[in-house]
Amino acid sequence: MSNVKPFSQSLGRASHKAVVHGKLMWVIGGYSFNYSSFHMVLNYNLESSTWDVVPINSGPLQRYGHSLALYQDDIYMYGGKLEAGSGNVTDELWVFNIPSRTWSLKNPSSLVQGQPYAVEGHSAHLAELTNGDVVMVVLFGYSPVYSYISKVQEYNIRTNSWQVPETNGAIVQGGYGHSSVYDSSSRCVYVHGGYKALPANKYGLVDELYRYEVQTQTW
């Protein structure tokens, strides 16, 4: 596999996220040792095998441990740990429009139930429900206030609103840094592994595999 670098100065990064839209892979955010030369947004052309730095005039602060989810021409970025300003974990929801290459900050309405959690190390997926609504499902993560989150947060694109639903089925224990994938045919998210709290005030890695049915909100 060839090692293709961006045309301009490139820096290593970790805890970033990426999505594929058409022939481009979009890489956003991440932790770096040198933010003075850091680029928030990069893309990689899958056909030409070349990188490109995307200049952005205004937008979110640099962050890592966030989530990305793609819907049509928009990339939804939620949460993460800020590397500037307060350095806090955030509950901001930003949308990057690919054709215009611009950011916009969403201001969702009050939650139907529950409360929003500012998290890092979570994952997110967009799913279409049977009624035609499209929701972004945010799974687990770490909160500096509430510790490891076992809840599901759900953002409805049409209504621009959050809810934290009371889920059904198995009792799950959330964690940080897991992996997850969405199967559109079954409308299920599969969640594997992560770092979480264990009995006797211990913490560790797990190999648990959960399945979450988005339509019925059931584990």
N, C-alpha and C. Protein backbone atom coordinates (compact mmCIF):
# COMPACT_ATOMS: atom_id res chain seq x y z
N MET A 1 0.85 -1.20 0.00
CA MET A 1 0.00 0.00 0.00
C MET A 1 0.88 1.24 0.00
N SER A 2 0.61 2.16 -0.92
CA SER A 2 1.42 3.36 -1.01
C SER A 2 1.12 4.29 0.15
N ASN A 3 2.13 5.04 0.54
CA ASN A 3 1.99 6.02 1.61
C ASN A 3 1.91 7.40 0.98
N VAL A 4 0.70 7.92 0.83
CA VAL A 4 0.48 9.17 0.12
C VAL A 4 0.25 10.28 1.11
N LYS A 5 1.04 11.33 1.02
CA LYS A 5 0.95 12.44 1.97
C LYS A 5 0.22 13.62 1.32
N PRO A 6 -0.36 14.51 2.13
CA PRO A 6 -0.98 15.72 1.58
C PRO A 6 0.05 16.58 0.86
N PHE A 7 -0.45 17.45 -0.04
CA PHE A 7 0.45 18.32 -0.79
C PHE A 7 1.15 19.30 0.14
N SER A 8 0.46 19.80 1.13
CA SER A 8 1.07 20.72 2.09
C SER A 8 1.53 19.94 3.32
N GLN A 9 2.07 20.65 4.27
CA GLN A 9 2.61 20.00 5.45
C GLN A 9 1.55 19.15 6.14
N SER A 10 1.92 17.91 6.44
CA SER A 10 0.99 16.99 7.09
C SER A 10 1.47 16.68 8.49
N LEU A 11 0.53 16.54 9.40
CA LEU A 11 0.84 16.19 10.78
C LEU A 11 0.10 14.94 11.16
N GLY A 12 0.74 14.12 11.99
CA GLY A 12 0.05 12.95 12.51
C GLY A 12 -1.09 13.36 13.42
N ARG A 13 -2.11 12.51 13.50
CA ARG A 13 -3.26 12.80 14.36
C ARG A 13 -3.84 11.49 14.87
N ALA A 14 -4.57 11.57 15.97
CA ALA A 14 -5.23 10.40 16.56
C ALA A 14 -6.60 10.83 17.08
N SER A 15 -7.46 9.83 17.32
CA SER A 15 -8.82 10.06 17.82
C SER A 15 -9.60 11.02 16.92
N HIS A 16 -9.31 10.98 15.62
CA HIS A 16 -10.08 11.72 14.62
C HIS A 16 -11.15 10.79 14.06
N LYS A 17 -11.94 11.28 13.11
CA LYS A 17 -12.96 10.48 12.47
C LYS A 17 -12.96 10.74 10.97
N ALA A 18 -13.53 9.79 10.21
CA ALA A 18 -13.56 9.92 8.75
C ALA A 18 -14.85 9.32 8.20
N VAL A 19 -15.34 9.89 7.10
CA VAL A 19 -16.48 9.34 6.37
C VAL A 19 -16.15 9.40 4.88
N VAL A 20 -16.82 8.57 4.09
CA VAL A 20 -16.63 8.55 2.64
C VAL A 20 -17.88 9.11 1.97
N HIS A 21 -17.66 10.08 1.08
CA HIS A 21 -18.74 10.70 0.30
C HIS A 21 -18.30 10.71 -1.16
N GLY A 22 -18.95 9.90 -1.99
CA GLY A 22 -18.53 9.80 -3.38
C GLY A 22 -17.13 9.23 -3.48
N LYS A 23 -16.25 9.95 -4.15
CA LYS A 23 -14.88 9.48 -4.32
C LYS A 23 -13.92 10.07 -3.29
N LEU A 24 -14.44 10.78 -2.31
CA LEU A 24 -13.59 11.44 -1.32
C LEU A 24 -13.81 10.88 0.07
N MET A 25 -12.71 10.64 0.80
CA MET A 25 -12.76 10.35 2.23
C MET A 25 -12.45 11.64 2.97
N TRP A 26 -13.38 12.05 3.84
CA TRP A 26 -13.22 13.28 4.61
C TRP A 26 -12.73 12.94 6.01
N VAL A 27 -11.60 13.54 6.41
CA VAL A 27 -11.00 13.34 7.72
C VAL A 27 -11.14 14.64 8.51
N ILE A 28 -11.73 14.54 9.70
CA ILE A 28 -12.02 15.75 10.47
C ILE A 28 -11.54 15.60 11.91
N GLY A 29 -10.85 16.65 12.39
CA GLY A 29 -10.44 16.71 13.79
C GLY A 29 -9.30 15.78 14.13
N GLY A 30 -9.14 15.56 15.43
CA GLY A 30 -8.09 14.67 15.91
C GLY A 30 -7.16 15.34 16.90
N TYR A 31 -6.43 14.52 17.61
CA TYR A 31 -5.44 14.99 18.58
C TYR A 31 -4.09 15.11 17.88
N SER A 32 -3.38 16.19 18.15
CA SER A 32 -2.09 16.43 17.53
C SER A 32 -1.13 17.01 18.56
N PHE A 33 0.17 16.84 18.31
CA PHE A 33 1.18 17.44 19.18
C PHE A 33 1.51 18.88 18.76
N ASN A 34 1.03 19.30 17.59
CA ASN A 34 1.38 20.63 17.08
C ASN A 34 0.17 21.23 16.37
N TYR A 35 -0.63 22.00 17.10
CA TYR A 35 -1.84 22.57 16.52
C TYR A 35 -1.57 23.84 15.71
N SER A 36 -0.36 24.37 15.79
CA SER A 36 -0.06 25.58 15.03
C SER A 36 -0.09 25.32 13.53
N SER A 37 0.17 24.08 13.12
CA SER A 37 0.15 23.72 11.70
C SER A 37 -0.93 22.69 11.41
N PHE A 38 -1.91 22.60 12.30
CA PHE A 38 -2.93 21.55 12.18
C PHE A 38 -4.06 22.00 11.27
N HIS A 39 -4.56 21.09 10.44
CA HIS A 39 -5.70 21.36 9.57
C HIS A 39 -6.89 20.55 10.06
N MET A 40 -7.99 21.23 10.35
CA MET A 40 -9.18 20.58 10.90
C MET A 40 -9.79 19.59 9.91
N VAL A 41 -9.76 19.94 8.62
CA VAL A 41 -10.42 19.13 7.60
C VAL A 41 -9.45 18.78 6.48
N LEU A 42 -9.36 17.49 6.18
CA LEU A 42 -8.61 16.98 5.03
C LEU A 42 -9.54 16.10 4.21
N ASN A 43 -9.21 15.92 2.92
CA ASN A 43 -9.88 14.86 2.18
C ASN A 43 -8.88 14.06 1.35
N TYR A 44 -9.25 12.82 1.10
CA TYR A 44 -8.41 11.89 0.34
C TYR A 44 -9.21 11.39 -0.85
N ASN A 45 -8.66 11.58 -2.05
CA ASN A 45 -9.33 11.14 -3.28
C ASN A 45 -9.06 9.66 -3.50
N LEU A 46 -10.11 8.85 -3.48
CA LEU A 46 -9.96 7.41 -3.59
C LEU A 46 -9.54 6.97 -4.98
N GLU A 47 -9.76 7.82 -5.99
CA GLU A 47 -9.40 7.46 -7.36
C GLU A 47 -7.97 7.86 -7.69
N SER A 48 -7.59 9.09 -7.31
CA SER A 48 -6.24 9.57 -7.63
C SER A 48 -5.22 9.29 -6.54
N SER A 49 -5.69 8.80 -5.38
CA SER A 49 -4.80 8.49 -4.24
C SER A 49 -4.02 9.72 -3.79
N THR A 50 -4.70 10.86 -3.73
CA THR A 50 -4.04 12.10 -3.32
C THR A 50 -4.82 12.75 -2.17
N TRP A 51 -4.08 13.44 -1.31
CA TRP A 51 -4.66 14.19 -0.20
C TRP A 51 -4.81 15.66 -0.58
N ASP A 52 -5.74 16.32 0.09
CA ASP A 52 -5.92 17.75 -0.11
C ASP A 52 -6.31 18.38 1.22
N VAL A 53 -5.71 19.51 1.53
CA VAL A 53 -6.08 20.29 2.71
C VAL A 53 -7.26 21.18 2.35
N VAL A 54 -8.28 21.19 3.19
CA VAL A 54 -9.48 21.98 2.91
C VAL A 54 -9.43 23.25 3.76
N PRO A 55 -9.21 24.40 3.14
CA PRO A 55 -9.17 25.65 3.93
C PRO A 55 -10.57 26.02 4.42
N ILE A 56 -10.67 26.34 5.70
CA ILE A 56 -11.94 26.71 6.32
C ILE A 56 -11.78 28.08 6.97
N ASN A 57 -12.68 29.02 6.63
CA ASN A 57 -12.59 30.37 7.18
C ASN A 57 -13.09 30.45 8.62
N SER A 58 -14.15 29.71 8.93
CA SER A 58 -14.70 29.73 10.27
C SER A 58 -15.37 28.40 10.55
N GLY A 59 -15.49 28.07 11.83
CA GLY A 59 -16.10 26.79 12.17
C GLY A 59 -15.77 26.39 13.60
N PRO A 60 -15.85 25.11 13.90
CA PRO A 60 -15.65 24.63 15.27
C PRO A 60 -14.20 24.69 15.70
N LEU A 61 -14.01 24.71 17.02
CA LEU A 61 -12.68 24.59 17.58
C LEU A 61 -12.15 23.18 17.34
N GLN A 62 -10.83 23.06 17.35
CA GLN A 62 -10.21 21.75 17.18
C GLN A 62 -10.64 20.83 18.31
N ARG A 63 -10.84 19.55 17.98
CA ARG A 63 -11.32 18.59 18.97
C ARG A 63 -10.94 17.18 18.56
N TYR A 64 -11.03 16.28 19.51
CA TYR A 64 -10.81 14.86 19.23
C TYR A 64 -11.80 14.04 20.06
N GLY A 65 -11.94 12.76 19.70
CA GLY A 65 -12.89 11.91 20.42
C GLY A 65 -14.34 12.20 20.08
N HIS A 66 -14.59 12.93 19.01
CA HIS A 66 -15.93 13.27 18.55
C HIS A 66 -16.48 12.13 17.69
N SER A 67 -17.69 12.33 17.15
CA SER A 67 -18.25 11.38 16.20
C SER A 67 -18.59 12.10 14.91
N LEU A 68 -18.62 11.34 13.80
CA LEU A 68 -19.07 11.85 12.51
C LEU A 68 -20.14 10.92 11.96
N ALA A 69 -21.12 11.50 11.29
CA ALA A 69 -22.15 10.72 10.60
C ALA A 69 -22.55 11.47 9.34
N LEU A 70 -22.65 10.75 8.23
CA LEU A 70 -22.92 11.37 6.93
C LEU A 70 -24.39 11.20 6.56
N TYR A 71 -25.01 12.31 6.11
CA TYR A 71 -26.37 12.25 5.56
C TYR A 71 -26.42 13.14 4.33
N GLN A 72 -26.64 12.53 3.18
CA GLN A 72 -26.65 13.23 1.90
C GLN A 72 -25.34 14.00 1.72
N ASP A 73 -25.39 15.33 1.65
CA ASP A 73 -24.17 16.12 1.45
C ASP A 73 -23.66 16.76 2.74
N ASP A 74 -24.17 16.31 3.87
CA ASP A 74 -23.80 16.91 5.15
C ASP A 74 -23.11 15.91 6.07
N ILE A 75 -22.07 16.38 6.77
CA ILE A 75 -21.38 15.58 7.78
C ILE A 75 -21.75 16.16 9.15
N TYR A 76 -22.34 15.33 9.99
CA TYR A 76 -22.75 15.74 11.33
C TYR A 76 -21.65 15.35 12.33
N MET A 77 -21.12 16.34 13.05
CA MET A 77 -20.07 16.11 14.04
C MET A 77 -20.63 16.43 15.42
N TYR A 78 -20.53 15.46 16.32
CA TYR A 78 -21.08 15.67 17.66
C TYR A 78 -20.03 15.40 18.73
N GLY A 79 -20.05 16.28 19.76
CA GLY A 79 -19.25 16.05 20.96
C GLY A 79 -17.75 16.13 20.74
N GLY A 80 -17.03 15.45 21.63
CA GLY A 80 -15.58 15.44 21.59
C GLY A 80 -14.97 16.34 22.65
N LYS A 81 -13.67 16.22 22.78
CA LYS A 81 -12.92 17.03 23.75
C LYS A 81 -12.23 18.17 23.02
N LEU A 82 -12.48 19.39 23.46
CA LEU A 82 -11.91 20.56 22.83
C LEU A 82 -10.43 20.69 23.18
N GLU A 83 -9.65 21.14 22.19
CA GLU A 83 -8.22 21.32 22.42
C GLU A 83 -7.86 22.79 22.59
N ALA A 84 -8.86 23.64 22.61
CA ALA A 84 -8.61 25.07 22.80
C ALA A 84 -9.70 25.62 23.72
N GLY A 85 -9.52 26.84 24.15
CA GLY A 85 -10.52 27.45 25.02
C GLY A 85 -10.58 26.74 26.36
N SER A 86 -11.76 26.27 26.73
CA SER A 86 -11.96 25.65 28.04
C SER A 86 -11.33 24.27 28.15
N GLY A 87 -11.15 23.60 27.01
CA GLY A 87 -10.62 22.23 27.04
C GLY A 87 -11.62 21.22 27.56
N ASN A 88 -12.89 21.60 27.60
CA ASN A 88 -13.92 20.72 28.13
C ASN A 88 -14.44 19.76 27.07
N VAL A 89 -15.13 18.73 27.52
CA VAL A 89 -15.90 17.88 26.62
C VAL A 89 -17.17 18.64 26.26
N THR A 90 -17.56 18.61 24.99
CA THR A 90 -18.64 19.46 24.51
C THR A 90 -19.85 18.65 24.04
N ASP A 91 -21.01 19.31 24.03
CA ASP A 91 -22.21 18.72 23.44
C ASP A 91 -22.61 19.47 22.16
N GLU A 92 -21.67 20.17 21.55
CA GLU A 92 -21.96 20.89 20.31
C GLU A 92 -22.28 19.92 19.17
N LEU A 93 -23.21 20.34 18.32
CA LEU A 93 -23.53 19.61 17.10
C LEU A 93 -23.26 20.53 15.91
N TRP A 94 -22.22 20.18 15.15
CA TRP A 94 -21.83 20.95 13.98
C TRP A 94 -22.16 20.16 12.71
N VAL A 95 -22.48 20.89 11.64
CA VAL A 95 -22.75 20.26 10.34
C VAL A 95 -21.83 20.87 9.30
N PHE A 96 -21.08 20.00 8.60
CA PHE A 96 -20.19 20.44 7.52
C PHE A 96 -20.86 20.11 6.20
N ASN A 97 -21.18 21.14 5.41
CA ASN A 97 -21.78 20.93 4.09
C ASN A 97 -20.67 20.75 3.06
N ILE A 98 -20.67 19.61 2.41
CA ILE A 98 -19.57 19.26 1.52
C ILE A 98 -19.52 20.15 0.28
N PRO A 99 -20.62 20.38 -0.45
CA PRO A 99 -20.51 21.22 -1.65
C PRO A 99 -20.00 22.63 -1.38
N SER A 100 -20.49 23.26 -0.30
CA SER A 100 -20.06 24.63 0.01
C SER A 100 -18.82 24.68 0.88
N ARG A 101 -18.46 23.54 1.48
CA ARG A 101 -17.30 23.45 2.38
C ARG A 101 -17.40 24.48 3.51
N THR A 102 -18.57 24.53 4.11
CA THR A 102 -18.81 25.46 5.22
C THR A 102 -19.39 24.72 6.41
N TRP A 103 -19.14 25.26 7.61
CA TRP A 103 -19.66 24.72 8.85
C TRP A 103 -20.87 25.53 9.33
N SER A 104 -21.80 24.87 9.99
CA SER A 104 -22.89 25.56 10.68
C SER A 104 -23.13 24.86 12.01
N LEU A 105 -23.41 25.65 13.04
CA LEU A 105 -23.66 25.12 14.38
C LEU A 105 -25.16 24.96 14.58
N LYS A 106 -25.59 23.76 14.92
CA LYS A 106 -27.00 23.51 15.18
C LYS A 106 -27.36 23.92 16.61
N ASN A 107 -28.57 24.39 16.77
CA ASN A 107 -29.11 24.72 18.09
C ASN A 107 -30.41 23.96 18.27
N PRO A 108 -30.33 22.68 18.61
CA PRO A 108 -31.55 21.85 18.70
C PRO A 108 -32.49 22.34 19.78
N SER A 109 -33.77 22.04 19.59
CA SER A 109 -34.78 22.39 20.58
C SER A 109 -34.64 21.50 21.81
N SER A 110 -35.41 21.82 22.83
CA SER A 110 -35.35 21.08 24.08
C SER A 110 -35.63 19.61 23.86
N LEU A 111 -35.04 18.80 24.69
CA LEU A 111 -35.22 17.37 24.60
C LEU A 111 -36.66 16.98 24.91
N VAL A 112 -37.13 15.97 24.19
CA VAL A 112 -38.45 15.42 24.49
C VAL A 112 -38.43 14.79 25.87
N GLN A 113 -37.37 14.06 26.14
CA GLN A 113 -37.20 13.46 27.47
C GLN A 113 -35.72 13.25 27.73
N GLY A 114 -35.32 13.21 28.98
CA GLY A 114 -33.92 13.04 29.31
C GLY A 114 -33.16 14.35 29.17
N GLN A 115 -31.84 14.25 29.14
CA GLN A 115 -31.00 15.42 29.03
C GLN A 115 -29.83 15.10 28.12
N PRO A 116 -29.25 16.12 27.47
CA PRO A 116 -28.11 15.85 26.59
C PRO A 116 -26.86 15.57 27.40
N TYR A 117 -26.02 14.71 26.88
CA TYR A 117 -24.75 14.39 27.52
C TYR A 117 -23.61 14.85 26.62
N ALA A 118 -22.74 15.67 27.17
CA ALA A 118 -21.50 16.02 26.48
C ALA A 118 -20.55 14.85 26.63
N VAL A 119 -20.17 14.23 25.52
CA VAL A 119 -19.40 13.00 25.59
C VAL A 119 -18.22 13.02 24.62
N GLU A 120 -17.26 12.16 24.91
CA GLU A 120 -16.17 11.85 23.99
C GLU A 120 -16.02 10.33 23.95
N GLY A 121 -15.40 9.83 22.89
CA GLY A 121 -15.20 8.39 22.77
C GLY A 121 -16.47 7.62 22.48
N HIS A 122 -17.50 8.29 21.99
CA HIS A 122 -18.76 7.68 21.63
C HIS A 122 -18.74 7.31 20.14
N SER A 123 -19.87 6.85 19.62
CA SER A 123 -20.02 6.64 18.18
C SER A 123 -21.40 7.10 17.77
N ALA A 124 -21.60 7.34 16.48
CA ALA A 124 -22.88 7.83 15.99
C ALA A 124 -23.17 7.30 14.60
N HIS A 125 -24.46 7.08 14.34
CA HIS A 125 -24.91 6.60 13.02
C HIS A 125 -26.23 7.27 12.68
N LEU A 126 -26.43 7.53 11.39
CA LEU A 126 -27.69 8.06 10.90
C LEU A 126 -28.54 6.94 10.35
N ALA A 127 -29.82 6.94 10.71
CA ALA A 127 -30.73 5.87 10.30
C ALA A 127 -32.07 6.46 9.90
N GLU A 128 -32.68 5.88 8.87
CA GLU A 128 -34.01 6.31 8.45
C GLU A 128 -35.06 5.41 9.07
N LEU A 129 -36.04 6.01 9.74
CA LEU A 129 -37.11 5.25 10.38
C LEU A 129 -38.22 4.95 9.38
N THR A 130 -39.14 4.10 9.76
CA THR A 130 -40.22 3.70 8.86
C THR A 130 -41.15 4.86 8.52
N ASN A 131 -41.21 5.88 9.37
CA ASN A 131 -42.06 7.04 9.09
C ASN A 131 -41.38 8.08 8.22
N GLY A 132 -40.14 7.78 7.78
CA GLY A 132 -39.40 8.69 6.92
C GLY A 132 -38.47 9.62 7.64
N ASP A 133 -38.60 9.76 8.94
CA ASP A 133 -37.68 10.59 9.71
C ASP A 133 -36.28 9.99 9.70
N VAL A 134 -35.28 10.86 9.70
CA VAL A 134 -33.88 10.43 9.79
C VAL A 134 -33.35 10.87 11.14
N VAL A 135 -32.79 9.93 11.90
CA VAL A 135 -32.26 10.23 13.23
C VAL A 135 -30.78 9.87 13.30
N MET A 136 -30.05 10.64 14.07
CA MET A 136 -28.66 10.30 14.39
C MET A 136 -28.65 9.68 15.78
N VAL A 137 -28.19 8.46 15.85
CA VAL A 137 -28.13 7.73 17.11
C VAL A 137 -26.72 7.85 17.67
N VAL A 138 -26.58 8.42 18.86
CA VAL A 138 -25.29 8.58 19.53
C VAL A 138 -25.22 7.56 20.66
N LEU A 139 -24.19 6.73 20.62
CA LEU A 139 -24.08 5.60 21.54
C LEU A 139 -22.94 5.78 22.53
N PHE A 140 -23.28 5.69 23.82
CA PHE A 140 -22.31 5.59 24.91
C PHE A 140 -21.37 6.80 24.95
N GLY A 141 -20.11 6.57 25.35
CA GLY A 141 -19.13 7.63 25.49
C GLY A 141 -18.82 7.94 26.95
N TYR A 142 -17.88 8.85 27.13
CA TYR A 142 -17.45 9.26 28.47
C TYR A 142 -17.83 10.71 28.72
N SER A 143 -18.41 10.97 29.88
CA SER A 143 -18.75 12.32 30.32
C SER A 143 -17.95 12.65 31.58
N PRO A 144 -17.27 13.80 31.63
CA PRO A 144 -16.53 14.16 32.84
C PRO A 144 -17.45 14.41 34.03
N VAL A 145 -18.74 14.61 33.78
CA VAL A 145 -19.71 14.84 34.85
C VAL A 145 -20.37 13.54 35.29
N TYR A 146 -20.78 12.72 34.33
CA TYR A 146 -21.56 11.51 34.63
C TYR A 146 -20.78 10.21 34.45
N SER A 147 -19.49 10.31 34.12
CA SER A 147 -18.64 9.14 33.88
C SER A 147 -19.08 8.40 32.61
N TYR A 148 -19.04 7.08 32.61
CA TYR A 148 -19.34 6.31 31.40
C TYR A 148 -20.86 6.27 31.18
N ILE A 149 -21.27 6.63 29.97
CA ILE A 149 -22.69 6.77 29.65
C ILE A 149 -23.21 5.49 29.02
N SER A 150 -24.31 4.98 29.56
CA SER A 150 -24.95 3.78 29.01
C SER A 150 -26.20 4.12 28.21
N LYS A 151 -26.49 5.39 28.06
CA LYS A 151 -27.69 5.85 27.37
C LYS A 151 -27.47 5.96 25.86
N VAL A 152 -28.59 6.01 25.15
CA VAL A 152 -28.61 6.33 23.73
C VAL A 152 -29.18 7.74 23.58
N GLN A 153 -28.49 8.58 22.82
CA GLN A 153 -29.01 9.91 22.50
C GLN A 153 -29.45 9.90 21.04
N GLU A 154 -30.57 10.52 20.76
CA GLU A 154 -31.14 10.46 19.42
C GLU A 154 -31.48 11.87 18.94
N TYR A 155 -30.89 12.25 17.80
CA TYR A 155 -31.14 13.57 17.21
C TYR A 155 -31.98 13.40 15.95
N ASN A 156 -33.11 14.10 15.88
CA ASN A 156 -34.00 14.04 14.73
C ASN A 156 -33.69 15.21 13.80
N ILE A 157 -33.29 14.89 12.56
CA ILE A 157 -32.89 15.94 11.62
C ILE A 157 -34.08 16.82 11.25
N ARG A 158 -35.23 16.24 11.00
CA ARG A 158 -36.40 17.01 10.56
C ARG A 158 -36.85 18.00 11.63
N THR A 159 -36.94 17.55 12.87
CA THR A 159 -37.44 18.41 13.95
C THR A 159 -36.34 19.19 14.65
N ASN A 160 -35.07 18.89 14.33
CA ASN A 160 -33.93 19.54 14.98
C ASN A 160 -34.06 19.46 16.50
N SER A 161 -34.26 18.24 16.99
CA SER A 161 -34.47 18.06 18.43
C SER A 161 -33.78 16.79 18.91
N TRP A 162 -33.43 16.79 20.20
CA TRP A 162 -32.81 15.65 20.85
C TRP A 162 -33.82 14.94 21.75
N GLN A 163 -33.59 13.65 21.94
CA GLN A 163 -34.24 12.93 23.02
C GLN A 163 -33.28 11.85 23.52
N VAL A 164 -33.45 11.46 24.76
CA VAL A 164 -32.73 10.33 25.33
C VAL A 164 -33.79 9.28 25.65
N PRO A 165 -34.04 8.36 24.73
CA PRO A 165 -35.17 7.44 24.90
C PRO A 165 -34.93 6.42 26.00
N GLU A 166 -36.02 5.97 26.59
CA GLU A 166 -35.96 4.84 27.51
C GLU A 166 -35.94 3.57 26.66
N THR A 167 -34.79 2.93 26.59
CA THR A 167 -34.64 1.78 25.71
C THR A 167 -35.24 0.52 26.33
N ASN A 168 -35.49 -0.46 25.47
CA ASN A 168 -36.05 -1.74 25.89
C ASN A 168 -35.01 -2.85 25.76
N GLY A 169 -35.35 -4.03 26.25
CA GLY A 169 -34.50 -5.19 26.06
C GLY A 169 -33.42 -5.34 27.11
N ALA A 170 -32.25 -5.78 26.65
CA ALA A 170 -31.14 -6.10 27.55
C ALA A 170 -30.64 -4.86 28.29
N ILE A 171 -30.08 -5.08 29.47
CA ILE A 171 -29.42 -4.02 30.22
C ILE A 171 -27.98 -3.93 29.74
N VAL A 172 -27.59 -2.76 29.24
CA VAL A 172 -26.25 -2.61 28.67
C VAL A 172 -25.43 -1.67 29.54
N GLN A 173 -24.11 -1.79 29.40
CA GLN A 173 -23.18 -0.92 30.12
C GLN A 173 -22.31 -0.22 29.10
N GLY A 174 -22.44 1.09 29.05
CA GLY A 174 -21.70 1.86 28.06
C GLY A 174 -20.24 2.03 28.42
N GLY A 175 -19.46 2.41 27.42
CA GLY A 175 -18.04 2.62 27.63
C GLY A 175 -17.49 3.63 26.64
N TYR A 176 -16.17 3.67 26.58
CA TYR A 176 -15.43 4.66 25.80
C TYR A 176 -14.59 3.92 24.76
N GLY A 177 -14.54 4.45 23.55
CA GLY A 177 -13.62 3.92 22.55
C GLY A 177 -14.03 2.61 21.93
N HIS A 178 -15.31 2.27 21.97
CA HIS A 178 -15.79 1.06 21.32
C HIS A 178 -15.81 1.25 19.80
N SER A 179 -16.14 0.19 19.08
CA SER A 179 -16.42 0.31 17.65
C SER A 179 -17.88 -0.02 17.42
N SER A 180 -18.45 0.53 16.35
CA SER A 180 -19.84 0.22 16.02
C SER A 180 -20.06 0.35 14.53
N VAL A 181 -21.05 -0.38 14.03
CA VAL A 181 -21.39 -0.33 12.61
C VAL A 181 -22.90 -0.42 12.48
N TYR A 182 -23.44 0.25 11.46
CA TYR A 182 -24.89 0.27 11.25
C TYR A 182 -25.24 -0.58 10.04
N ASP A 183 -26.22 -1.48 10.21
CA ASP A 183 -26.74 -2.31 9.13
C ASP A 183 -28.09 -1.74 8.70
N SER A 184 -28.13 -1.11 7.53
CA SER A 184 -29.35 -0.42 7.11
C SER A 184 -30.49 -1.38 6.79
N SER A 185 -30.18 -2.62 6.40
CA SER A 185 -31.24 -3.56 6.05
C SER A 185 -32.07 -3.96 7.27
N SER A 186 -31.43 -4.07 8.42
CA SER A 186 -32.14 -4.45 9.65
C SER A 186 -32.39 -3.26 10.58
N ARG A 187 -31.83 -2.10 10.23
CA ARG A 187 -31.87 -0.91 11.08
C ARG A 187 -31.30 -1.20 12.47
N CYS A 188 -30.19 -1.92 12.49
CA CYS A 188 -29.54 -2.29 13.75
C CYS A 188 -28.11 -1.76 13.78
N VAL A 189 -27.68 -1.33 14.97
CA VAL A 189 -26.30 -0.95 15.22
C VAL A 189 -25.65 -2.05 16.05
N TYR A 190 -24.47 -2.50 15.63
CA TYR A 190 -23.70 -3.49 16.38
C TYR A 190 -22.54 -2.77 17.06
N VAL A 191 -22.43 -2.94 18.36
CA VAL A 191 -21.41 -2.25 19.16
C VAL A 191 -20.49 -3.28 19.79
N HIS A 192 -19.18 -3.10 19.60
CA HIS A 192 -18.23 -4.08 20.14
C HIS A 192 -17.14 -3.41 20.97
N GLY A 193 -16.84 -4.05 22.10
CA GLY A 193 -15.68 -3.66 22.90
C GLY A 193 -15.81 -2.32 23.59
N GLY A 194 -14.65 -1.76 23.94
CA GLY A 194 -14.58 -0.48 24.62
C GLY A 194 -13.90 -0.59 25.98
N TYR A 195 -13.71 0.55 26.58
CA TYR A 195 -13.11 0.67 27.91
C TYR A 195 -14.20 1.14 28.86
N LYS A 196 -14.43 0.42 29.94
CA LYS A 196 -15.55 0.77 30.82
C LYS A 196 -15.29 0.37 32.26
N ALA A 197 -16.19 0.79 33.13
CA ALA A 197 -16.08 0.48 34.55
C ALA A 197 -16.40 -0.99 34.79
N LEU A 198 -15.63 -1.60 35.69
CA LEU A 198 -15.81 -2.99 36.08
C LEU A 198 -16.12 -3.05 37.58
N PRO A 199 -16.52 -4.20 38.10
CA PRO A 199 -16.79 -4.30 39.54
C PRO A 199 -15.57 -3.96 40.39
N ALA A 200 -15.81 -3.63 41.64
CA ALA A 200 -14.76 -3.34 42.63
C ALA A 200 -13.91 -2.14 42.23
N ASN A 201 -14.56 -1.11 41.68
CA ASN A 201 -13.86 0.13 41.32
C ASN A 201 -12.71 -0.09 40.36
N LYS A 202 -12.85 -1.03 39.47
CA LYS A 202 -11.81 -1.29 38.47
C LYS A 202 -12.32 -0.88 37.09
N TYR A 203 -11.38 -0.71 36.18
CA TYR A 203 -11.69 -0.33 34.80
C TYR A 203 -10.89 -1.23 33.87
N GLY A 204 -11.44 -1.49 32.70
CA GLY A 204 -10.71 -2.35 31.78
C GLY A 204 -11.39 -2.45 30.42
N LEU A 205 -10.74 -3.20 29.55
CA LEU A 205 -11.24 -3.44 28.20
C LEU A 205 -12.18 -4.64 28.21
N VAL A 206 -13.20 -4.59 27.36
CA VAL A 206 -14.18 -5.68 27.29
C VAL A 206 -14.33 -6.14 25.84
N ASP A 207 -14.88 -7.35 25.68
CA ASP A 207 -15.13 -7.86 24.33
C ASP A 207 -16.62 -8.10 24.09
N GLU A 208 -17.46 -7.38 24.79
CA GLU A 208 -18.91 -7.55 24.66
C GLU A 208 -19.39 -7.07 23.28
N LEU A 209 -20.42 -7.75 22.78
CA LEU A 209 -21.05 -7.36 21.52
C LEU A 209 -22.53 -7.10 21.77
N TYR A 210 -22.96 -5.87 21.51
CA TYR A 210 -24.36 -5.48 21.66
C TYR A 210 -24.98 -5.24 20.29
N ARG A 211 -26.30 -5.45 20.21
CA ARG A 211 -27.06 -5.06 19.03
C ARG A 211 -28.19 -4.14 19.47
N TYR A 212 -28.31 -3.01 18.78
CA TYR A 212 -29.36 -2.03 19.10
C TYR A 212 -30.26 -1.84 17.90
N GLU A 213 -31.56 -2.09 18.08
CA GLU A 213 -32.55 -1.90 17.02
C GLU A 213 -33.06 -0.46 17.09
N VAL A 214 -32.71 0.34 16.08
CA VAL A 214 -33.02 1.76 16.11
C VAL A 214 -34.52 2.01 16.07
N GLN A 215 -35.24 1.26 15.23
CA GLN A 215 -36.67 1.50 15.06
C GLN A 215 -37.45 1.27 16.36
N THR A 216 -37.13 0.18 17.06
CA THR A 216 -37.86 -0.17 18.29
C THR A 216 -37.16 0.29 19.55
N GLN A 217 -35.95 0.87 19.41
CA GLN A 217 -35.16 1.33 20.55
C GLN A 217 -34.94 0.20 21.56
N THR A 218 -34.50 -0.93 21.02
CA THR A 218 -34.36 -2.15 21.82
C THR A 218 -32.95 -2.70 21.72
N TRP A 219 -32.37 -3.07 22.86
CA TRP A 219 -31.08 -3.75 22.91
C TRP A 219 -31.30 -5.26 22.90
